[in-house]
Amino acid sequence: MTLAAVGVAVGLPAALFLTRFLSKILYGVSPHDPLSFAFIPIFLLGVTLVATYIPARRAAGVDPVEVLRRE
């Protein structure tokens, strides 16, 4: 989650800066579309939360002594 949060924190200002250069190839979206700049980071952080929560929950349910015995 930390990497995703840092990526969003660095990526949003970079995206705002770079939209001036990419405005000619954006089709149907304004360069500073607030919906896109709000939805995409929230979606990215949500997917990251699910992707990290599920394996962490499975790992938390494993008994460490049992894993060490099998190794």
PDB file of N, CA and C in Angstrom:
ATOM      1  N   MET A   1       0.818  -1.187   0.000  1.00  0.00           N
ATOM      2  CA  MET A   1       0.000   0.000   0.000  1.00  0.00           C
ATOM      3  C   MET A   1       0.863   1.253   0.000  1.00  0.00           C
ATOM      4  N   THR A   2       2.002   1.182   0.679  1.00  0.00           N
ATOM      5  CA  THR A   2       2.869   2.354   0.753  1.00  0.00           C
ATOM      6  C   THR A   2       3.385   2.735  -0.631  1.00  0.00           C
ATOM      7  N   LEU A   3       3.782   1.738  -1.400  1.00  0.00           N
ATOM      8  CA  LEU A   3       4.274   2.018  -2.745  1.00  0.00           C
ATOM      9  C   LEU A   3       3.187   2.623  -3.624  1.00  0.00           C
ATOM     10  N   ALA A   4       1.971   2.139  -3.501  1.00  0.00           N
ATOM     11  CA  ALA A   4       0.872   2.694  -4.293  1.00  0.00           C
ATOM     12  C   ALA A   4       0.568   4.124  -3.869  1.00  0.00           C
ATOM     13  N   ALA A   5       0.591   4.396  -2.576  1.00  0.00           N
ATOM     14  CA  ALA A   5       0.329   5.752  -2.093  1.00  0.00           C
ATOM     15  C   ALA A   5       1.420   6.719  -2.550  1.00  0.00           C
ATOM     16  N   VAL A   6       2.670   6.284  -2.515  1.00  0.00           N
ATOM     17  CA  VAL A   6       3.763   7.125  -2.997  1.00  0.00           C
ATOM     18  C   VAL A   6       3.626   7.339  -4.512  1.00  0.00           C
ATOM     19  N   GLY A   7       3.250   6.295  -5.215  1.00  0.00           N
ATOM     20  CA  GLY A   7       3.047   6.413  -6.656  1.00  0.00           C
ATOM     21  C   GLY A   7       1.952   7.392  -7.012  1.00  0.00           C
ATOM     22  N   VAL A   8       0.865   7.375  -6.259  1.00  0.00           N
ATOM     23  CA  VAL A   8      -0.217   8.335  -6.489  1.00  0.00           C
ATOM     24  C   VAL A   8       0.242   9.744  -6.134  1.00  0.00           C
ATOM     25  N   ALA A   9       0.964   9.879  -5.023  1.00  0.00           N
ATOM     26  CA  ALA A   9       1.435  11.205  -4.594  1.00  0.00           C
ATOM     27  C   ALA A   9       2.421  11.807  -5.597  1.00  0.00           C
ATOM     28  N   VAL A  10       3.215  10.990  -6.223  1.00  0.00           N
ATOM     29  CA  VAL A  10       4.176  11.488  -7.222  1.00  0.00           C
ATOM     30  C   VAL A  10       3.501  11.609  -8.595  1.00  0.00           C
ATOM     31  N   GLY A  11       2.621  10.677  -8.892  1.00  0.00           N
ATOM     32  CA  GLY A  11       2.010  10.636 -10.216  1.00  0.00           C
ATOM     33  C   GLY A  11       0.994  11.718 -10.486  1.00  0.00           C
ATOM     34  N   LEU A  12       0.218  12.122  -9.486  1.00  0.00           N
ATOM     35  CA  LEU A  12      -0.782  13.158  -9.721  1.00  0.00           C
ATOM     36  C   LEU A  12      -0.166  14.495 -10.138  1.00  0.00           C
ATOM     37  N   PRO A  13       0.815  15.016  -9.412  1.00  0.00           N
ATOM     38  CA  PRO A  13       1.427  16.270  -9.885  1.00  0.00           C
ATOM     39  C   PRO A  13       2.122  16.113 -11.235  1.00  0.00           C
ATOM     40  N   ALA A  14       2.748  14.963 -11.446  1.00  0.00           N
ATOM     41  CA  ALA A  14       3.403  14.728 -12.738  1.00  0.00           C
ATOM     42  C   ALA A  14       2.372  14.688 -13.862  1.00  0.00           C
ATOM     43  N   ALA A  15       1.234  14.052 -13.619  1.00  0.00           N
ATOM     44  CA  ALA A  15       0.189  13.984 -14.633  1.00  0.00           C
ATOM     45  C   ALA A  15      -0.392  15.363 -14.918  1.00  0.00           C
ATOM     46  N   LEU A  16      -0.585  16.152 -13.877  1.00  0.00           N
ATOM     47  CA  LEU A  16      -1.082  17.516 -14.078  1.00  0.00           C
ATOM     48  C   LEU A  16      -0.104  18.342 -14.908  1.00  0.00           C
ATOM     49  N   PHE A  17       1.166  18.149 -14.672  1.00  0.00           N
ATOM     50  CA  PHE A  17       2.187  18.878 -15.429  1.00  0.00           C
ATOM     51  C   PHE A  17       2.257  18.404 -16.883  1.00  0.00           C
ATOM     52  N   LEU A  18       2.182  17.108 -17.087  1.00  0.00           N
ATOM     53  CA  LEU A  18       2.367  16.551 -18.431  1.00  0.00           C
ATOM     54  C   LEU A  18       1.140  16.659 -19.325  1.00  0.00           C
ATOM     55  N   THR A  19      -0.024  17.011 -18.768  1.00  0.00           N
ATOM     56  CA  THR A  19      -1.217  17.110 -19.614  1.00  0.00           C
ATOM     57  C   THR A  19      -1.096  18.229 -20.643  1.00  0.00           C
ATOM     58  N   ARG A  20      -0.283  19.230 -20.361  1.00  0.00           N
ATOM     59  CA  ARG A  20      -0.079  20.282 -21.359  1.00  0.00           C
ATOM     60  C   ARG A  20       0.521  19.713 -22.632  1.00  0.00           C
ATOM     61  N   PHE A  21       1.439  18.786 -22.486  1.00  0.00           N
ATOM     62  CA  PHE A  21       2.115  18.208 -23.640  1.00  0.00           C
ATOM     63  C   PHE A  21       1.277  17.122 -24.323  1.00  0.00           C
ATOM     64  N   LEU A  22       0.420  16.475 -23.564  1.00  0.00           N
ATOM     65  CA  LEU A  22      -0.372  15.370 -24.108  1.00  0.00           C
ATOM     66  C   LEU A  22      -1.776  15.788 -24.525  1.00  0.00           C
ATOM     67  N   SER A  23      -2.124  17.053 -24.409  1.00  0.00           N
ATOM     68  CA  SER A  23      -3.488  17.494 -24.679  1.00  0.00           C
ATOM     69  C   SER A  23      -3.907  17.246 -26.129  1.00  0.00           C
ATOM     70  N   LYS A  24      -2.981  17.205 -27.049  1.00  0.00           N
ATOM     71  CA  LYS A  24      -3.316  16.982 -28.457  1.00  0.00           C
ATOM     72  C   LYS A  24      -3.729  15.546 -28.740  1.00  0.00           C
ATOM     73  N   ILE A  25      -3.269  14.595 -27.933  1.00  0.00           N
ATOM     74  CA  ILE A  25      -3.619  13.197 -28.199  1.00  0.00           C
ATOM     75  C   ILE A  25      -4.736  12.695 -27.286  1.00  0.00           C
ATOM     76  N   LEU A  26      -5.225  13.532 -26.379  1.00  0.00           N
ATOM     77  CA  LEU A  26      -6.364  13.150 -25.537  1.00  0.00           C
ATOM     78  C   LEU A  26      -7.641  13.328 -26.351  1.00  0.00           C
ATOM     79  N   TYR A  27      -8.430  12.277 -26.447  1.00  0.00           N
ATOM     80  CA  TYR A  27      -9.654  12.341 -27.236  1.00  0.00           C
ATOM     81  C   TYR A  27     -10.851  12.214 -26.307  1.00  0.00           C
ATOM     82  N   GLY A  28     -11.696  13.209 -26.289  1.00  0.00           N
ATOM     83  CA  GLY A  28     -12.920  13.163 -25.501  1.00  0.00           C
ATOM     84  C   GLY A  28     -12.735  13.479 -24.028  1.00  0.00           C
ATOM     85  N   VAL A  29     -11.541  13.843 -23.626  1.00  0.00           N
ATOM     86  CA  VAL A  29     -11.264  14.163 -22.230  1.00  0.00           C
ATOM     87  C   VAL A  29     -10.478  15.465 -22.203  1.00  0.00           C
ATOM     88  N   SER A  30     -10.902  16.372 -21.323  1.00  0.00           N
ATOM     89  CA  SER A  30     -10.136  17.609 -21.219  1.00  0.00           C
ATOM     90  C   SER A  30      -8.834  17.331 -20.473  1.00  0.00           C
ATOM     91  N   PRO A  31      -7.810  18.139 -20.699  1.00  0.00           N
ATOM     92  CA  PRO A  31      -6.513  17.883 -20.059  1.00  0.00           C
ATOM     93  C   PRO A  31      -6.557  17.911 -18.531  1.00  0.00           C
ATOM     94  N   HIS A  32      -7.461  18.669 -17.966  1.00  0.00           N
ATOM     95  CA  HIS A  32      -7.551  18.753 -16.499  1.00  0.00           C
ATOM     96  C   HIS A  32      -8.916  18.265 -16.032  1.00  0.00           C
ATOM     97  N   ASP A  33      -9.334  17.113 -16.509  1.00  0.00           N
ATOM     98  CA  ASP A  33     -10.625  16.536 -16.160  1.00  0.00           C
ATOM     99  C   ASP A  33     -10.632  16.119 -14.694  1.00  0.00           C
ATOM    100  N   PRO A  34     -11.424  16.784 -13.850  1.00  0.00           N
ATOM    101  CA  PRO A  34     -11.399  16.468 -12.422  1.00  0.00           C
ATOM    102  C   PRO A  34     -11.919  15.068 -12.107  1.00  0.00           C
ATOM    103  N   LEU A  35     -12.852  14.569 -12.899  1.00  0.00           N
ATOM    104  CA  LEU A  35     -13.362  13.225 -12.656  1.00  0.00           C
ATOM    105  C   LEU A  35     -12.272  12.176 -12.857  1.00  0.00           C
ATOM    106  N   SER A  36     -11.487  12.326 -13.907  1.00  0.00           N
ATOM    107  CA  SER A  36     -10.392  11.383 -14.155  1.00  0.00           C
ATOM    108  C   SER A  36      -9.320  11.475 -13.079  1.00  0.00           C
ATOM    109  N   PHE A  37      -8.981  12.690 -12.686  1.00  0.00           N
ATOM    110  CA  PHE A  37      -7.946  12.872 -11.679  1.00  0.00           C
ATOM    111  C   PHE A  37      -8.404  12.453 -10.288  1.00  0.00           C
ATOM    112  N   ALA A  38      -9.695  12.331 -10.061  1.00  0.00           N
ATOM    113  CA  ALA A  38     -10.200  11.857  -8.770  1.00  0.00           C
ATOM    114  C   ALA A  38     -10.445  10.347  -8.787  1.00  0.00           C
ATOM    115  N   PHE A  39     -11.020   9.833  -9.891  1.00  0.00           N
ATOM    116  CA  PHE A  39     -11.424   8.433  -9.935  1.00  0.00           C
ATOM    117  C   PHE A  39     -10.245   7.475 -10.049  1.00  0.00           C
ATOM    118  N   ILE A  40      -9.298   7.765 -10.897  1.00  0.00           N
ATOM    119  CA  ILE A  40      -8.191   6.842 -11.164  1.00  0.00           C
ATOM    120  C   ILE A  40      -7.341   6.582  -9.918  1.00  0.00           C
ATOM    121  N   PRO A  41      -6.920   7.598  -9.155  1.00  0.00           N
ATOM    122  CA  PRO A  41      -6.146   7.294  -7.938  1.00  0.00           C
ATOM    123  C   PRO A  41      -6.948   6.510  -6.903  1.00  0.00           C
ATOM    124  N   ILE A  42      -8.227   6.823  -6.765  1.00  0.00           N
ATOM    125  CA  ILE A  42      -9.064   6.080  -5.815  1.00  0.00           C
ATOM    126  C   ILE A  42      -9.196   4.628  -6.265  1.00  0.00           C
ATOM    127  N   PHE A  43      -9.401   4.416  -7.561  1.00  0.00           N
ATOM    128  CA  PHE A  43      -9.501   3.066  -8.101  1.00  0.00           C
ATOM    129  C   PHE A  43      -8.195   2.304  -7.907  1.00  0.00           C
ATOM    130  N   LEU A  44      -7.073   2.952  -8.196  1.00  0.00           N
ATOM    131  CA  LEU A  44      -5.762   2.322  -8.036  1.00  0.00           C
ATOM    132  C   LEU A  44      -5.512   1.924  -6.577  1.00  0.00           C
ATOM    133  N   LEU A  45      -5.818   2.808  -5.658  1.00  0.00           N
ATOM    134  CA  LEU A  45      -5.616   2.494  -4.237  1.00  0.00           C
ATOM    135  C   LEU A  45      -6.576   1.402  -3.769  1.00  0.00           C
ATOM    136  N   GLY A  46      -7.778   1.379  -4.300  1.00  0.00           N
ATOM    137  CA  GLY A  46      -8.735   0.318  -3.948  1.00  0.00           C
ATOM    138  C   GLY A  46      -8.279  -1.051  -4.433  1.00  0.00           C
ATOM    139  N   VAL A  47      -7.805  -1.110  -5.662  1.00  0.00           N
ATOM    140  CA  VAL A  47      -7.297  -2.379  -6.203  1.00  0.00           C
ATOM    141  C   VAL A  47      -6.074  -2.832  -5.415  1.00  0.00           C
ATOM    142  N   THR A  48      -5.211  -1.899  -5.068  1.00  0.00           N
ATOM    143  CA  THR A  48      -4.022  -2.234  -4.286  1.00  0.00           C
ATOM    144  C   THR A  48      -4.405  -2.750  -2.902  1.00  0.00           C
ATOM    145  N   LEU A  49      -5.401  -2.142  -2.298  1.00  0.00           N
ATOM    146  CA  LEU A  49      -5.861  -2.596  -0.983  1.00  0.00           C
ATOM    147  C   LEU A  49      -6.368  -4.033  -1.043  1.00  0.00           C
ATOM    148  N   VAL A  50      -7.168  -4.337  -2.038  1.00  0.00           N
ATOM    149  CA  VAL A  50      -7.679  -5.703  -2.187  1.00  0.00           C
ATOM    150  C   VAL A  50      -6.547  -6.678  -2.482  1.00  0.00           C
ATOM    151  N   ALA A  51      -5.612  -6.272  -3.352  1.00  0.00           N
ATOM    152  CA  ALA A  51      -4.510  -7.152  -3.733  1.00  0.00           C
ATOM    153  C   ALA A  51      -3.549  -7.420  -2.584  1.00  0.00           C
ATOM    154  N   THR A  52      -3.454  -6.523  -1.632  1.00  0.00           N
ATOM    155  CA  THR A  52      -2.573  -6.751  -0.487  1.00  0.00           C
ATOM    156  C   THR A  52      -3.305  -7.363   0.692  1.00  0.00           C
ATOM    157  N   TYR A  53      -4.595  -7.101   0.824  1.00  0.00           N
ATOM    158  CA  TYR A  53      -5.346  -7.594   1.972  1.00  0.00           C
ATOM    159  C   TYR A  53      -5.586  -9.104   1.901  1.00  0.00           C
ATOM    160  N   ILE A  54      -5.938  -9.586   0.737  1.00  0.00           N
ATOM    161  CA  ILE A  54      -6.273 -11.015   0.608  1.00  0.00           C
ATOM    162  C   ILE A  54      -5.073 -11.911   0.934  1.00  0.00           C
ATOM    163  N   PRO A  55      -3.879 -11.711   0.357  1.00  0.00           N
ATOM    164  CA  PRO A  55      -2.744 -12.563   0.740  1.00  0.00           C
ATOM    165  C   PRO A  55      -2.317 -12.371   2.193  1.00  0.00           C
ATOM    166  N   ALA A  56      -2.433 -11.157   2.710  1.00  0.00           N
ATOM    167  CA  ALA A  56      -2.059 -10.922   4.110  1.00  0.00           C
ATOM    168  C   ALA A  56      -3.012 -11.649   5.051  1.00  0.00           C
ATOM    169  N   ARG A  57      -4.279 -11.675   4.713  1.00  0.00           N
ATOM    170  CA  ARG A  57      -5.254 -12.391   5.547  1.00  0.00           C
ATOM    171  C   ARG A  57      -4.992 -13.898   5.521  1.00  0.00           C
ATOM    172  N   ARG A  58      -4.659 -14.428   4.349  1.00  0.00           N
ATOM    173  CA  ARG A  58      -4.344 -15.859   4.262  1.00  0.00           C
ATOM    174  C   ARG A  58      -3.085 -16.187   5.056  1.00  0.00           C
ATOM    175  N   ALA A  59      -2.081 -15.345   4.969  1.00  0.00           N
ATOM    176  CA  ALA A  59      -0.827 -15.586   5.679  1.00  0.00           C
ATOM    177  C   ALA A  59      -1.018 -15.462   7.188  1.00  0.00           C
ATOM    178  N   ALA A  60      -1.914 -14.604   7.613  1.00  0.00           N
ATOM    179  CA  ALA A  60      -2.146 -14.429   9.048  1.00  0.00           C
ATOM    180  C   ALA A  60      -2.830 -15.649   9.663  1.00  0.00           C
ATOM    181  N   GLY A  61      -3.510 -16.428   8.846  1.00  0.00           N
ATOM    182  CA  GLY A  61      -4.202 -17.603   9.362  1.00  0.00           C
ATOM    183  C   GLY A  61      -3.333 -18.848   9.456  1.00  0.00           C
ATOM    184  N   VAL A  62      -2.095 -18.770   9.036  1.00  0.00           N
ATOM    185  CA  VAL A  62      -1.193 -19.922   9.053  1.00  0.00           C
ATOM    186  C   VAL A  62      -0.424 -19.935  10.362  1.00  0.00           C
ATOM    187  N   ASP A  63      -0.343 -21.120  10.955  1.00  0.00           N
ATOM    188  CA  ASP A  63       0.418 -21.268  12.195  1.00  0.00           C
ATOM    189  C   ASP A  63       1.911 -21.304  11.863  1.00  0.00           C
ATOM    190  N   PRO A  64       2.720 -20.405  12.430  1.00  0.00           N
ATOM    191  CA  PRO A  64       4.146 -20.362  12.108  1.00  0.00           C
ATOM    192  C   PRO A  64       4.897 -21.644  12.477  1.00  0.00           C
ATOM    193  N   VAL A  65       4.515 -22.272  13.564  1.00  0.00           N
ATOM    194  CA  VAL A  65       5.187 -23.510  13.975  1.00  0.00           C
ATOM    195  C   VAL A  65       4.927 -24.614  12.950  1.00  0.00           C
ATOM    196  N   GLU A  66       3.724 -24.677  12.442  1.00  0.00           N
ATOM    197  CA  GLU A  66       3.381 -25.683  11.437  1.00  0.00           C
ATOM    198  C   GLU A  66       4.183 -25.464  10.137  1.00  0.00           C
ATOM    199  N   VAL A  67       4.357 -24.231   9.749  1.00  0.00           N
ATOM    200  CA  VAL A  67       5.136 -23.934   8.541  1.00  0.00           C
ATOM    201  C   VAL A  67       6.599 -24.307   8.746  1.00  0.00           C
ATOM    202  N   LEU A  68       7.149 -23.997   9.912  1.00  0.00           N
ATOM    203  CA  LEU A  68       8.541 -24.326  10.177  1.00  0.00           C
ATOM    204  C   LEU A  68       8.766 -25.834  10.248  1.00  0.00           C
ATOM    205  N   ARG A  69       7.803 -26.584  10.700  1.00  0.00           N
ATOM    206  CA  ARG A  69       7.936 -28.052  10.745  1.00  0.00           C
ATOM    207  C   ARG A  69       7.987 -28.621   9.341  1.00  0.00           C
ATOM    208  N   ARG A  70       7.211 -28.057   8.442  1.00  0.00           N
ATOM    209  CA  ARG A  70       7.168 -28.573   7.071  1.00  0.00           C
ATOM    210  C   ARG A  70       8.435 -28.221   6.293  1.00  0.00           C
ATOM    211  N   GLU A  71       9.114 -27.182   6.669  1.00  0.00           N
ATOM    212  CA  GLU A  71      10.338 -26.785   5.992  1.00  0.00           C
ATOM    213  C   GLU A  71      11.411 -27.700   6.445  1.00  0.00           C
TER     214      GLU A  71
END
